[in-house]
N, C-alpha and C. Protein backbone atom coordinates (compact mmCIF):
# COMPACT_ATOMS: atom_id res chain seq x y z
N UNK A 1 -6.30 5.11 12.83
CA UNK A 1 -4.89 4.77 12.87
C UNK A 1 -4.26 5.21 11.55
N UNK A 2 -3.17 5.95 11.64
CA UNK A 2 -2.47 6.40 10.44
C UNK A 2 -1.66 5.25 9.86
N UNK A 3 -1.19 5.43 8.64
CA UNK A 3 -0.36 4.41 8.00
C UNK A 3 0.93 4.23 8.79
N UNK A 4 1.49 5.33 9.29
CA UNK A 4 2.72 5.22 10.09
C UNK A 4 2.49 4.37 11.33
N UNK A 5 1.36 4.57 11.99
CA UNK A 5 1.02 3.77 13.17
C UNK A 5 0.78 2.31 12.80
N UNK A 6 0.15 2.10 11.64
CA UNK A 6 -0.10 0.75 11.16
C UNK A 6 1.21 0.02 10.91
N UNK A 7 2.15 0.69 10.24
CA UNK A 7 3.45 0.09 9.95
C UNK A 7 4.19 -0.20 11.26
N UNK A 8 4.14 0.73 12.19
CA UNK A 8 4.81 0.53 13.47
C UNK A 8 4.25 -0.71 14.17
N UNK A 9 2.94 -0.86 14.17
CA UNK A 9 2.32 -2.01 14.84
C UNK A 9 2.65 -3.31 14.10
N UNK A 10 2.66 -3.28 12.77
CA UNK A 10 3.05 -4.47 12.00
C UNK A 10 4.47 -4.88 12.38
N UNK A 11 5.37 -3.91 12.48
CA UNK A 11 6.75 -4.20 12.85
C UNK A 11 6.86 -4.75 14.26
N UNK A 12 6.06 -4.21 15.18
CA UNK A 12 6.05 -4.73 16.55
C UNK A 12 5.62 -6.20 16.56
N UNK A 13 4.57 -6.49 15.81
CA UNK A 13 4.09 -7.86 15.76
C UNK A 13 5.09 -8.78 15.07
N UNK A 14 5.79 -8.28 14.07
CA UNK A 14 6.81 -9.09 13.38
C UNK A 14 7.94 -9.42 14.34
N UNK A 15 8.36 -8.44 15.12
CA UNK A 15 9.42 -8.68 16.10
C UNK A 15 8.97 -9.71 17.15
N UNK A 16 7.74 -9.53 17.63
CA UNK A 16 7.23 -10.46 18.63
C UNK A 16 7.10 -11.87 18.05
N UNK A 17 6.70 -11.98 16.79
CA UNK A 17 6.55 -13.29 16.15
C UNK A 17 7.89 -14.00 16.10
N UNK A 18 8.97 -13.25 15.88
CA UNK A 18 10.30 -13.85 15.79
C UNK A 18 10.86 -14.23 17.17
N UNK A 19 10.51 -13.46 18.19
CA UNK A 19 11.11 -13.68 19.51
C UNK A 19 10.31 -14.62 20.39
N UNK A 20 9.01 -14.38 20.51
CA UNK A 20 8.22 -15.18 21.44
C UNK A 20 6.97 -15.82 20.86
N UNK A 21 6.63 -15.45 19.64
CA UNK A 21 5.43 -16.00 19.02
C UNK A 21 4.22 -15.12 19.24
N UNK A 22 3.20 -15.35 18.43
CA UNK A 22 1.98 -14.54 18.49
C UNK A 22 0.80 -15.38 18.96
N UNK A 23 -0.11 -14.73 19.64
CA UNK A 23 -1.37 -15.38 20.00
C UNK A 23 -2.25 -15.41 18.76
N UNK A 24 -3.27 -16.26 18.75
CA UNK A 24 -4.19 -16.26 17.59
C UNK A 24 -4.81 -14.89 17.32
N UNK A 25 -5.10 -14.14 18.36
CA UNK A 25 -5.64 -12.79 18.18
C UNK A 25 -4.65 -11.85 17.52
N UNK A 26 -3.38 -11.99 17.89
CA UNK A 26 -2.34 -11.16 17.30
C UNK A 26 -2.10 -11.52 15.84
N UNK A 27 -2.19 -12.81 15.52
CA UNK A 27 -2.05 -13.24 14.13
C UNK A 27 -3.17 -12.62 13.29
N UNK A 28 -4.38 -12.62 13.82
CA UNK A 28 -5.52 -12.02 13.12
C UNK A 28 -5.32 -10.51 12.97
N UNK A 29 -4.85 -9.85 14.04
CA UNK A 29 -4.59 -8.41 13.98
C UNK A 29 -3.53 -8.11 12.93
N UNK A 30 -2.48 -8.91 12.88
CA UNK A 30 -1.39 -8.70 11.92
C UNK A 30 -1.92 -8.79 10.48
N UNK A 31 -2.78 -9.78 10.21
CA UNK A 31 -3.34 -9.92 8.86
C UNK A 31 -4.22 -8.74 8.50
N UNK A 32 -5.03 -8.25 9.44
CA UNK A 32 -5.87 -7.09 9.17
C UNK A 32 -5.02 -5.86 8.88
N UNK A 33 -3.97 -5.67 9.67
CA UNK A 33 -3.08 -4.52 9.47
C UNK A 33 -2.34 -4.62 8.14
N UNK A 34 -1.91 -5.81 7.79
CA UNK A 34 -1.23 -6.00 6.51
C UNK A 34 -2.17 -5.67 5.35
N UNK A 35 -3.42 -6.08 5.46
CA UNK A 35 -4.40 -5.78 4.40
C UNK A 35 -4.65 -4.28 4.29
N UNK A 36 -4.72 -3.60 5.44
CA UNK A 36 -4.88 -2.15 5.42
C UNK A 36 -3.70 -1.51 4.71
N UNK A 37 -2.50 -1.96 5.03
CA UNK A 37 -1.29 -1.41 4.41
C UNK A 37 -1.28 -1.69 2.90
N UNK A 38 -1.60 -2.91 2.51
CA UNK A 38 -1.63 -3.26 1.09
C UNK A 38 -2.60 -2.37 0.33
N UNK A 39 -3.80 -2.20 0.88
CA UNK A 39 -4.80 -1.37 0.21
C UNK A 39 -4.33 0.07 0.08
N UNK A 40 -3.62 0.56 1.08
CA UNK A 40 -3.07 1.91 1.02
C UNK A 40 -2.05 2.03 -0.11
N UNK A 41 -1.16 1.06 -0.21
CA UNK A 41 -0.14 1.08 -1.27
C UNK A 41 -0.80 1.00 -2.64
N UNK A 42 -1.76 0.11 -2.79
CA UNK A 42 -2.45 -0.04 -4.07
C UNK A 42 -3.18 1.25 -4.44
N UNK A 43 -3.86 1.85 -3.48
CA UNK A 43 -4.58 3.10 -3.73
C UNK A 43 -3.65 4.23 -4.13
N UNK A 44 -2.51 4.32 -3.45
CA UNK A 44 -1.54 5.36 -3.79
C UNK A 44 -0.97 5.15 -5.19
N UNK A 45 -0.68 3.92 -5.53
CA UNK A 45 -0.14 3.62 -6.86
C UNK A 45 -1.16 3.94 -7.95
N UNK A 46 -2.42 3.56 -7.71
CA UNK A 46 -3.47 3.87 -8.69
C UNK A 46 -3.61 5.37 -8.89
N UNK A 47 -3.59 6.12 -7.79
CA UNK A 47 -3.72 7.57 -7.88
C UNK A 47 -2.55 8.16 -8.65
N UNK A 48 -1.35 7.65 -8.41
CA UNK A 48 -0.18 8.14 -9.12
C UNK A 48 -0.28 7.83 -10.61
N UNK A 49 -0.70 6.62 -10.96
CA UNK A 49 -0.82 6.26 -12.36
C UNK A 49 -1.94 7.03 -13.05
N UNK A 50 -3.02 7.29 -12.32
CA UNK A 50 -4.12 8.07 -12.89
C UNK A 50 -3.68 9.48 -13.27
N UNK A 51 -2.66 9.98 -12.61
CA UNK A 51 -2.19 11.34 -12.86
C UNK A 51 -0.88 11.37 -13.65
N UNK A 52 -0.56 10.29 -14.32
CA UNK A 52 0.69 10.21 -15.09
C UNK A 52 0.39 10.33 -16.58
N UNK A 53 1.15 11.16 -17.24
CA UNK A 53 1.02 11.35 -18.69
C UNK A 53 2.35 11.02 -19.35
N UNK A 54 2.27 10.67 -20.62
CA UNK A 54 3.46 10.35 -21.41
C UNK A 54 3.52 11.32 -22.58
N UNK A 55 4.68 11.92 -22.79
CA UNK A 55 4.87 12.79 -23.95
C UNK A 55 5.45 11.93 -25.06
N UNK A 56 4.71 11.85 -26.16
CA UNK A 56 5.12 11.05 -27.30
C UNK A 56 6.22 11.78 -28.08
N UNK A 57 6.87 11.06 -28.99
CA UNK A 57 7.94 11.64 -29.80
C UNK A 57 7.46 12.82 -30.64
N UNK A 58 6.18 12.78 -31.05
CA UNK A 58 5.64 13.87 -31.87
C UNK A 58 5.19 15.07 -31.04
N UNK A 59 5.36 15.00 -29.72
CA UNK A 59 5.03 16.11 -28.85
C UNK A 59 3.67 16.02 -28.20
N UNK A 60 2.83 15.09 -28.63
CA UNK A 60 1.52 14.95 -28.02
C UNK A 60 1.66 14.32 -26.64
N UNK A 61 0.70 14.63 -25.79
CA UNK A 61 0.69 14.10 -24.42
C UNK A 61 -0.52 13.20 -24.28
N UNK A 62 -0.31 12.02 -23.73
CA UNK A 62 -1.45 11.12 -23.51
C UNK A 62 -1.38 10.55 -22.10
N UNK A 63 -2.54 10.26 -21.58
CA UNK A 63 -2.63 9.66 -20.25
C UNK A 63 -2.30 8.19 -20.33
N UNK A 64 -1.77 7.63 -19.26
CA UNK A 64 -1.45 6.21 -19.25
C UNK A 64 -2.71 5.36 -19.19
N UNK A 65 -3.73 5.84 -18.49
CA UNK A 65 -4.95 5.07 -18.35
C UNK A 65 -5.88 5.38 -19.51
N UNK A 66 -6.22 4.36 -20.31
CA UNK A 66 -7.11 4.60 -21.44
C UNK A 66 -8.49 5.07 -20.97
N UNK A 67 -9.07 5.96 -21.77
CA UNK A 67 -10.42 6.44 -21.46
C UNK A 67 -10.45 7.59 -20.49
N UNK A 68 -9.32 8.03 -20.04
CA UNK A 68 -9.26 9.17 -19.11
C UNK A 68 -8.45 10.27 -19.74
N UNK A 69 -8.91 11.48 -19.57
CA UNK A 69 -8.15 12.60 -20.15
C UNK A 69 -7.75 13.59 -19.09
């Protein structure tokens, strides 16, 4: 399942929760999907930060994550 499909299903379950309620199985599915989405966001943010550099006033460039070059 792609992230787009995961988001779509989360939204479907959110709509159903507001209109008619969720079964216990759907509540469990929603939590699993939310965790998948959270992990995706966290992974993407980490990857972005790992590849981010800062140019100092003296012109030197350093990575944001210590110990990585």
